[in-house]
Amino acid sequence: MKKIIGICAGLLILAGFVYVGISTFPESKRNLECYIVFYRGDGLKPEVPIEYRGIQIGKVKDVEVRSDGEVFVKIFIHKKHRSVVRTGSIFELKRRAFGSSDVFISLEKPGDSSNPLIKNGEVVKMPKTFIDKLDDIKEKIKEKIREDE
């Protein structure tokens, strides 16, 4: 019985050391999982690559359309590319070729190096693109036409 208690105590102490080690590991040395919010999905699905300057730095883990119409995208960024994803980073949905269904997310503008790193679990909302704004105008025109009928 004493042997079992000793083993359990040892495992508990080991688990404590592992937890402390992981929780104090610098944020910049960890993989990043966070959320990007877009106004459109354009064919996004899990495993879609995330690229910066033509190099894959991560991938899409999950995509969810919320009730307000916003598209929540859970992303994974590999730890060796972690330092380019900072507050102020701008991601855009892109297609490989005009009319293609092959989409990817491009890190168009990394955050300034003086900005803090985006934290795991953080939600980052992207600004509306030109296409998003055109869609808004189109919807307003449709509403106006319906009102005038």
Foldseek 3Di string as FASTA:
>chain_A
DVVVVVVVVVVVVVVVVVVVVVVPPDQLQAKAKEKEKALDDLLDAWFAFEDEPRHTQWTWHGWDQDPVRIIITIIIGHSVCQQQAFPPWAKDWDAPDVPHSRIHIYRPHGDDNVGGGQHHHYYHYHDYDPVNVVVVVVVVVVVVVVVVD
